[in-house]
């Protein structure tokens, strides 16, 4: 499934506050939950580059409840941060995006 890029504003500690997704600004309406998902790196990479550390084995994922404005419907998405580039994206199905 293709990934959608996100522009994420975070606290100084790196916790998401709001994001821009498909031209809309969404605010994080509930406490975000961070977890790490194990990558199948052995299937994706032929070999690890010397000194490679961040993001080689685990992917940082934030489960966010977001809302358009202050009265919009809550949506739950998973925002994924590339630990090497710092880029954010989501793999939400297009049918669920507003």
Protein backbone atom coordinates (compact mmCIF):
# COMPACT_ATOMS: atom_id res chain seq x y z
CA UNK A 1 0.00 0.00 0.00
CA UNK A 2 1.51 3.39 -0.91
CA UNK A 3 2.37 5.74 1.93
CA UNK A 4 0.97 9.25 2.36
CA UNK A 5 3.40 11.92 3.53
CA UNK A 6 2.59 13.85 6.68
CA UNK A 7 3.90 17.15 7.99
CA UNK A 8 3.98 16.75 11.77
CA UNK A 9 4.45 19.41 14.44
CA UNK A 10 5.79 17.95 17.67
CA UNK A 11 6.59 18.98 21.22
CA UNK A 12 10.29 19.47 22.05
CA UNK A 13 10.20 15.85 23.30
CA UNK A 14 9.00 14.63 19.87
CA UNK A 15 5.34 13.94 20.71
CA UNK A 16 2.98 14.84 17.83
CA UNK A 17 0.67 17.85 18.38
CA UNK A 18 -0.83 18.36 14.93
CA UNK A 19 -0.31 17.22 11.38
CA UNK A 20 -1.04 18.20 7.83
CA UNK A 21 -2.40 15.31 5.81
CA UNK A 22 -3.86 15.60 2.31
CA UNK A 23 -4.14 19.37 2.58
CA UNK A 24 -6.00 19.41 5.92
CA UNK A 25 -4.65 20.35 9.35
CA UNK A 26 -5.55 17.78 11.98
CA UNK A 27 -5.02 18.34 15.69
CA UNK A 28 -4.09 15.51 18.03
CA UNK A 29 -7.16 15.30 20.27
CA UNK A 30 -6.07 12.62 22.75
CA UNK A 31 -2.81 11.48 24.30
CA UNK A 32 -0.71 9.85 21.55
CA UNK A 33 0.61 6.33 22.05
CA UNK A 34 4.09 5.46 20.75
CA UNK A 35 5.22 1.94 20.04
CA UNK A 36 7.76 0.19 17.86
CA UNK A 37 6.98 -2.30 15.13
CA UNK A 38 9.57 -4.92 14.14
CA UNK A 39 10.66 -4.67 10.49
CA UNK A 40 11.42 -7.68 8.31
CA UNK A 41 14.80 -6.10 7.53
CA UNK A 42 16.25 -9.39 6.31
CA UNK A 43 13.64 -9.41 3.51
CA UNK A 44 14.00 -5.70 2.70
CA UNK A 45 17.75 -5.19 2.84
CA UNK A 46 20.47 -7.29 1.27
CA UNK A 47 22.85 -6.14 3.99
CA UNK A 48 23.10 -3.43 6.60
CA UNK A 49 25.36 -0.47 5.92
CA UNK A 50 28.31 -0.10 8.24
CA UNK A 51 27.27 1.96 11.26
CA UNK A 52 23.54 1.61 10.53
CA UNK A 53 21.56 1.78 13.74
CA UNK A 54 18.35 3.79 13.90
CA UNK A 55 15.44 2.23 12.08
CA UNK A 56 17.26 -0.93 11.02
CA UNK A 57 15.22 -3.32 13.11
CA UNK A 58 12.33 -1.30 14.54
CA UNK A 59 9.94 1.28 13.09
CA UNK A 60 8.64 4.09 15.33
CA UNK A 61 4.85 4.33 15.16
CA UNK A 62 2.51 6.79 16.88
CA UNK A 63 -1.18 5.88 17.22
CA UNK A 64 -3.00 9.20 17.09
CA UNK A 65 -6.59 10.26 17.56
CA UNK A 66 -6.89 13.30 15.32
CA UNK A 67 -9.65 15.77 14.61
CA UNK A 68 -10.35 18.48 12.05
CA UNK A 69 -10.98 21.66 14.06
CA UNK A 70 -12.49 21.33 17.50
CA UNK A 71 -15.77 19.60 16.67
CA UNK A 72 -14.82 17.22 13.89
CA UNK A 73 -15.18 13.47 14.15
CA UNK A 74 -12.26 11.70 15.82
CA UNK A 75 -10.15 9.45 13.58
CA UNK A 76 -7.43 7.07 14.62
CA UNK A 77 -4.36 6.90 12.42
CA UNK A 78 -0.87 5.52 12.73
CA UNK A 79 1.84 8.06 12.01
CA UNK A 80 5.16 6.43 11.19
CA UNK A 81 8.45 8.30 11.61
CA UNK A 82 11.45 7.25 9.56
CA UNK A 83 14.22 7.24 12.16
CA UNK A 84 16.93 7.83 9.58
CA UNK A 85 15.41 10.70 7.55
CA UNK A 86 12.94 12.07 10.13
CA UNK A 87 10.18 11.91 7.47
CA UNK A 88 6.64 11.13 8.64
CA UNK A 89 4.05 9.11 6.73
CA UNK A 90 0.91 7.03 7.17
CA UNK A 91 -0.34 3.98 5.33
CA UNK A 92 -4.03 4.70 5.94
CA UNK A 93 -6.32 3.42 3.18
CA UNK A 94 -7.46 6.16 0.79
CA UNK A 95 -11.13 5.31 1.43
CA UNK A 96 -10.78 6.40 5.07
CA UNK A 97 -9.09 9.75 4.36
CA UNK A 98 -11.17 12.90 4.41
